Protein backbone atom coordinates (compact mmCIF):
# COMPACT_ATOMS: atom_id res chain seq x y z
CA UNK A 1 14.30 11.66 6.35
CA UNK A 2 17.57 10.56 7.92
CA UNK A 3 17.84 6.78 7.75
CA UNK A 4 21.38 6.44 6.37
CA UNK A 5 22.58 4.70 9.54
CA UNK A 6 19.53 2.50 10.00
CA UNK A 7 19.65 -1.26 9.56
CA UNK A 8 17.98 -2.97 6.60
CA UNK A 9 15.15 -5.37 7.20
CA UNK A 10 15.66 -9.08 6.60
CA UNK A 11 11.97 -9.51 5.81
CA UNK A 12 12.44 -8.87 2.12
CA UNK A 13 11.82 -10.95 -1.00
CA UNK A 14 12.58 -10.15 -4.61
CA UNK A 15 10.64 -10.89 -7.79
CA UNK A 16 12.62 -8.52 -9.98
CA UNK A 17 14.15 -10.13 -13.00
CA UNK A 18 11.63 -12.97 -13.11
CA UNK A 19 9.63 -13.60 -16.26
CA UNK A 20 5.90 -13.57 -15.68
CA UNK A 21 4.85 -13.14 -19.30
CA UNK A 22 5.12 -16.77 -20.38
CA UNK A 23 4.50 -19.94 -18.49
CA UNK A 24 3.92 -23.60 -19.13
CA UNK A 25 0.95 -25.76 -18.35
CA UNK A 26 -1.70 -23.65 -20.10
CA UNK A 27 -2.57 -20.02 -19.74
CA UNK A 28 -5.08 -17.91 -17.90
CA UNK A 29 -6.45 -14.38 -18.02
CA UNK A 30 -4.91 -11.92 -15.56
CA UNK A 31 -7.94 -9.65 -15.83
CA UNK A 32 -9.94 -11.92 -13.52
CA UNK A 33 -7.41 -11.96 -10.63
CA UNK A 34 -6.82 -8.23 -11.03
CA UNK A 35 -10.52 -7.46 -10.78
CA UNK A 36 -10.80 -9.97 -7.96
CA UNK A 37 -8.06 -8.23 -6.02
CA UNK A 38 -9.55 -4.78 -6.56
CA UNK A 39 -13.08 -5.88 -5.69
CA UNK A 40 -11.88 -7.90 -2.71
CA UNK A 41 -9.92 -5.04 -1.24
CA UNK A 42 -11.97 -2.05 -2.25
CA UNK A 43 -15.51 -3.34 -2.78
CA UNK A 44 -17.40 -3.47 -6.07
CA UNK A 45 -16.94 0.28 -6.48
CA UNK A 46 -13.21 -0.34 -6.55
CA UNK A 47 -13.52 -1.18 -10.23
CA UNK A 48 -13.40 2.60 -10.63
CA UNK A 49 -9.77 2.31 -9.56
CA UNK A 50 -9.06 0.13 -12.57
CA UNK A 51 -10.65 2.73 -14.82
CA UNK A 52 -8.58 5.49 -13.20
CA UNK A 53 -5.43 3.44 -13.61
CA UNK A 54 -6.11 2.98 -17.31
CA UNK A 55 -6.97 6.66 -17.86
CA UNK A 56 -4.19 8.23 -15.78
CA UNK A 57 -1.42 5.90 -16.91
CA UNK A 58 -2.76 5.50 -20.48
CA UNK A 59 -3.05 1.72 -20.18
CA UNK A 60 -5.11 -0.45 -22.50
CA UNK A 61 -7.26 -2.67 -20.25
CA UNK A 62 -6.67 -5.52 -22.68
CA UNK A 63 -3.03 -5.31 -21.72
CA UNK A 64 -3.92 -7.08 -18.49
CA UNK A 65 -4.61 -10.21 -20.51
CA UNK A 66 -1.67 -12.60 -20.53
CA UNK A 67 -0.67 -16.24 -20.76
CA UNK A 68 0.75 -16.20 -17.25
CA UNK A 69 -0.12 -19.34 -15.29
CA UNK A 70 -2.20 -19.16 -12.14
CA UNK A 71 -0.24 -19.00 -8.90
CA UNK A 72 -1.69 -19.96 -5.56
CA UNK A 73 -1.01 -17.82 -2.44
CA UNK A 74 1.31 -20.47 -1.02
CA UNK A 75 3.16 -20.92 -4.30
CA UNK A 76 3.70 -17.19 -4.79
CA UNK A 77 5.95 -17.00 -1.74
CA UNK A 78 8.03 -19.94 -2.96
CA UNK A 79 8.79 -18.71 -6.46
CA UNK A 80 10.71 -15.54 -5.72
CA UNK A 81 14.28 -15.24 -6.96
CA UNK A 82 17.23 -16.67 -5.07
CA UNK A 83 18.52 -13.17 -4.41
CA UNK A 84 18.93 -12.77 -0.64
CA UNK A 85 17.19 -10.07 1.36
CA UNK A 86 20.37 -8.06 1.74
CA UNK A 87 21.21 -8.43 -1.95
CA UNK A 88 17.72 -7.20 -2.79
CA UNK A 89 18.13 -4.23 -0.48
CA UNK A 90 21.50 -3.32 -1.93
CA UNK A 91 20.31 -3.46 -5.55
CA UNK A 92 19.83 0.31 -5.74
CA UNK A 93 19.28 3.37 -3.55
CA UNK A 94 15.49 3.14 -3.69
CA UNK A 95 15.59 -0.47 -2.54
CA UNK A 96 17.99 0.30 0.30
CA UNK A 97 15.86 3.17 1.53
CA UNK A 98 12.73 1.01 1.37
CA UNK A 99 14.41 -1.75 3.38
CA UNK A 100 15.47 0.76 6.03
CA UNK A 101 11.97 2.21 6.24
CA UNK A 102 10.58 -1.30 6.66
CA UNK A 103 13.07 -2.00 9.46
CA UNK A 104 12.01 1.22 11.14
CA UNK A 105 8.36 0.19 11.01
CA UNK A 106 9.31 -3.16 12.51
CA UNK A 107 11.03 -1.54 15.47
CA UNK A 108 8.25 1.00 15.94
CA UNK A 109 5.32 -1.41 15.85
CA UNK A 110 7.16 -4.04 17.89
CA UNK A 111 7.46 -1.52 20.70
CA UNK A 112 3.85 -0.33 20.37
CA UNK A 113 2.56 -3.92 20.41
CA UNK A 114 4.82 -4.81 23.36
CA UNK A 115 3.46 -1.85 25.33
CA UNK A 116 0.00 -3.35 24.78
CA UNK A 117 1.14 -6.79 25.89
CA UNK A 118 1.15 -8.20 22.37
CA UNK A 119 3.77 -9.44 19.92
CA UNK A 120 4.20 -7.83 16.53
CA UNK A 121 4.77 -10.15 13.58
CA UNK A 122 6.47 -8.18 10.76
CA UNK A 123 5.20 -8.12 7.22
CA UNK A 124 7.47 -9.01 4.31
CA UNK A 125 8.31 -6.50 1.58
CA UNK A 126 8.31 -8.00 -1.92
CA UNK A 127 10.07 -6.05 -4.64
CA UNK A 128 8.89 -6.56 -8.20
CA UNK A 129 9.32 -4.79 -11.51
CA UNK A 130 6.40 -4.00 -13.83
CA UNK A 131 4.61 -7.28 -13.10
CA UNK A 132 4.73 -9.77 -10.26
CA UNK A 133 2.48 -12.17 -8.44
CA UNK A 134 1.01 -12.14 -4.99
CA UNK A 135 -1.35 -14.15 -2.86
CA UNK A 136 -4.02 -11.71 -4.05
CA UNK A 137 -3.34 -12.33 -7.73
CA UNK A 138 -1.39 -10.28 -10.23
CA UNK A 139 0.82 -7.41 -9.14
CA UNK A 140 0.94 -4.63 -11.73
CA UNK A 141 3.15 -1.58 -11.28
CA UNK A 142 0.24 0.64 -12.36
CA UNK A 143 -1.64 -0.51 -9.26
CA UNK A 144 0.91 1.14 -7.02
CA UNK A 145 2.20 -0.37 -3.76
CA UNK A 146 -0.30 -2.60 -1.99
CA UNK A 147 -0.71 -4.94 0.96
CA UNK A 148 -2.03 -8.45 0.37
CA UNK A 149 -3.76 -9.91 3.44
CA UNK A 150 -3.79 -13.38 1.86
CA UNK A 151 -0.01 -13.71 2.26
CA UNK A 152 0.59 -10.76 4.63
CA UNK A 153 3.08 -9.11 2.28
CA UNK A 154 3.62 -5.60 0.97
CA UNK A 155 4.28 -5.42 -2.78
CA UNK A 156 6.33 -2.57 -4.21
CA UNK A 157 7.71 -1.60 -7.59
CA UNK A 158 10.17 1.15 -6.66
CA UNK A 159 9.46 2.83 -9.98
CA UNK A 160 6.39 4.15 -8.17
CA UNK A 161 8.70 6.63 -6.48
CA UNK A 162 9.31 8.15 -9.90
CA UNK A 163 5.55 8.33 -10.42
CA UNK A 164 5.24 10.25 -7.16
CA UNK A 165 7.61 12.85 -8.58
CA UNK A 166 6.64 12.96 -12.24
CA UNK A 167 2.89 12.38 -12.15
CA UNK A 168 1.84 13.37 -8.67
CA UNK A 169 4.49 16.06 -8.05
CA UNK A 170 4.98 14.65 -4.57
CA UNK A 171 8.63 13.71 -4.34
CA UNK A 172 10.93 13.39 -1.36
CA UNK A 173 12.15 10.57 0.82
CA UNK A 174 9.46 11.10 3.45
CA UNK A 175 6.76 10.77 0.79
CA UNK A 176 8.30 7.42 -0.17
CA UNK A 177 8.47 6.35 3.47
CA UNK A 178 4.84 7.35 3.97
CA UNK A 179 3.80 5.01 1.14
CA UNK A 180 5.47 2.03 2.84
CA UNK A 181 4.29 3.01 6.33
CA UNK A 182 0.72 3.21 5.01
CA UNK A 183 0.87 -0.33 3.65
CA UNK A 184 2.40 -1.55 6.91
CA UNK A 185 -0.59 0.13 8.56
CA UNK A 186 -2.80 -2.32 6.67
CA UNK A 187 -0.68 -5.14 8.08
CA UNK A 188 -1.32 -3.81 11.58
CA UNK A 189 -5.06 -3.88 10.82
CA UNK A 190 -4.69 -7.45 9.65
CA UNK A 191 -2.84 -8.50 12.82
CA UNK A 192 -5.52 -6.87 14.96
CA UNK A 193 -8.26 -8.76 13.15
CA UNK A 194 -9.86 -5.63 11.75
CA UNK A 195 -9.32 -6.53 8.10
CA UNK A 196 -11.37 -9.71 8.37
CA UNK A 197 -14.15 -7.91 10.22
CA UNK A 198 -14.42 -5.20 7.59
CA UNK A 199 -14.32 -7.63 4.68
CA UNK A 200 -17.18 -9.56 6.26
CA UNK A 201 -19.18 -6.34 6.66
CA UNK A 202 -18.43 -5.33 3.09
CA UNK A 203 -19.71 -8.66 1.81
CA UNK A 204 -23.09 -7.89 3.40
CA UNK A 205 -23.18 -4.25 2.34
CA UNK A 206 -24.23 -2.25 -0.67
CA UNK A 207 -21.58 -0.93 -3.03
CA UNK A 208 -21.67 2.54 -1.47
CA UNK A 209 -21.51 1.13 2.07
CA UNK A 210 -18.61 -1.18 1.17
CA UNK A 211 -16.71 1.75 -0.31
CA UNK A 212 -17.37 3.88 2.77
CA UNK A 213 -15.95 1.14 4.98
CA UNK A 214 -12.88 0.91 2.75
CA UNK A 215 -12.34 4.65 3.03
CA UNK A 216 -12.20 4.30 6.80
CA UNK A 217 -9.71 1.45 6.45
CA UNK A 218 -7.46 3.56 4.25
CA UNK A 219 -7.66 6.63 6.46
CA UNK A 220 -6.76 4.55 9.49
CA UNK A 221 -3.71 3.23 7.60
CA UNK A 222 -2.78 6.86 6.88
CA UNK A 223 -3.08 7.62 10.58
CA UNK A 224 -0.95 4.60 11.46
CA UNK A 225 1.68 5.89 9.04
CA UNK A 226 1.60 9.13 11.01
CA UNK A 227 2.00 7.21 14.27
CA UNK A 228 5.11 5.58 12.83
CA UNK A 229 6.47 9.01 11.88
CA UNK A 230 5.74 10.36 15.36
CA UNK A 231 7.84 7.60 16.90
CA UNK A 232 10.73 8.54 14.63
CA UNK A 233 10.76 12.30 15.10
CA UNK A 234 14.49 12.29 15.69
CA UNK A 235 14.96 11.22 12.09
CA UNK A 236 12.54 13.65 10.51
CA UNK A 237 14.16 16.60 8.76
CA UNK A 238 12.91 20.01 7.76
CA UNK A 239 10.31 19.75 5.02
CA UNK A 240 9.60 16.05 5.55
CA UNK A 241 6.11 16.48 6.97
CA UNK A 242 5.22 18.81 4.11
CA UNK A 243 6.37 16.11 1.66
CA UNK A 244 4.08 13.60 3.33
CA UNK A 245 1.10 15.94 3.28
CA UNK A 246 1.68 16.72 -0.37
CA UNK A 247 1.74 13.02 -1.21
CA UNK A 248 -1.43 12.37 0.81
CA UNK A 249 -3.16 15.21 -1.02
CA UNK A 250 -2.00 13.98 -4.43
CA UNK A 251 -3.50 10.53 -4.00
CA UNK A 252 -6.88 11.56 -2.60
CA UNK A 253 -9.82 10.08 -4.52
CA UNK A 254 -11.28 13.45 -5.46
CA UNK A 255 -7.95 14.71 -6.77
CA UNK A 256 -7.33 11.53 -8.78
CA UNK A 257 -10.78 11.59 -10.34
CA UNK A 258 -10.39 15.25 -11.30
CA UNK A 259 -6.98 14.48 -12.82
CA UNK A 260 -8.65 11.78 -14.92
CA UNK A 261 -11.16 14.33 -16.22
CA UNK A 262 -13.97 12.89 -14.12
CA UNK A 263 -16.44 14.56 -11.82
CA UNK A 264 -15.67 13.35 -8.26
CA UNK A 265 -18.32 10.92 -7.07
CA UNK A 266 -18.10 10.44 -3.27
CA UNK A 267 -19.95 7.11 -3.43
CA UNK A 268 -17.11 5.74 -5.56
CA UNK A 269 -14.33 6.84 -3.19
CA UNK A 270 -12.30 4.01 -1.67
CA UNK A 271 -9.39 5.88 -0.05
CA UNK A 272 -10.82 9.23 1.04
CA UNK A 273 -10.52 12.78 -0.19
CA UNK A 274 -7.25 14.65 -0.23
CA UNK A 275 -8.30 16.66 2.83
CA UNK A 276 -9.29 13.52 4.73
CA UNK A 277 -6.05 11.76 3.94
CA UNK A 278 -3.98 14.72 5.08
CA UNK A 279 -6.12 15.12 8.21
CA UNK A 280 -5.65 11.55 9.39
CA UNK A 281 -1.95 11.43 8.53
CA UNK A 282 -1.52 14.60 10.56
CA UNK A 283 -3.56 13.15 13.42
CA UNK A 284 -1.19 10.21 13.68
CA UNK A 285 1.86 12.44 13.54
CA UNK A 286 0.57 14.79 16.21
CA UNK A 287 -0.68 12.11 18.61
CA UNK A 288 1.73 9.23 18.07
CA UNK A 289 -1.05 7.11 19.52
CA UNK A 290 -2.75 4.31 17.53
CA UNK A 291 -5.83 4.71 19.72
CA UNK A 292 -6.33 8.11 18.09
CA UNK A 293 -6.67 6.40 14.72
CA UNK A 294 -10.14 4.95 15.27
CA UNK A 295 -11.75 6.04 12.02
CA UNK A 296 -14.67 3.69 12.58
CA UNK A 297 -16.06 5.39 15.67
CA UNK A 298 -15.26 8.99 14.82
CA UNK A 299 -16.32 11.45 12.16
CA UNK A 300 -13.61 11.15 9.52
CA UNK A 301 -14.10 14.79 8.55
CA UNK A 302 -13.32 16.23 11.99
């Protein structure tokens, strides 16, 4: 994807280089916030994600236990490093590309919102390395990039790009851009009030129902990522779309569970199958219209 001449976003914060392993004032167990984040975002069945993380990345669950002090959502945004946004973006090539992708999403969604008579408020991209903290609790690199509605930030360890290549065999700059655009899609849901509505429904639902609602949330975010791509066709190069589809396939729930040596259990899915993720990403790319991303009132398999 050609973004070499694109501006870098100023909505960037940096946690890289900070020490989160030791803190004063007493300790606490990171396992609770981690489970809380997973359950809060993905429903009770999302605990399966933690199991998959441990199996796929060969992580000891006890490794999530630390003496790191608790950080409130408001405090997390105040304890980032003094590195400026532009310094953070210039730290390495992966950071610079990420900042340019974020800027592109800002321009794209600002126009889409303006066309609807609304104002788009950008999310902030927070870089961290291995471990960070967010308004949703601990940020672990094994969790992959994520959006935290509590502080309206996207959290990214750029080492995940290496995981896309080495573990998921889904490399390429468009695959990386798709990851960020997907998380920004969750921010769009948050701005539109959908996130709160779904969380309220999930709180009143069974585990299977909560997971099914989360799948629709994730597929819509995939579609929104496709909408972003559609509005930037002039920057898409040969092979980019294929890179995105390959990444979407690689991180489907059924594919991940098979890779972990598990039998796919649809009731445990929280992001959708590989085919569903590719389908909705493609739908966004082909339509360029957010209205075509209504996963809640359409059959997600058609």
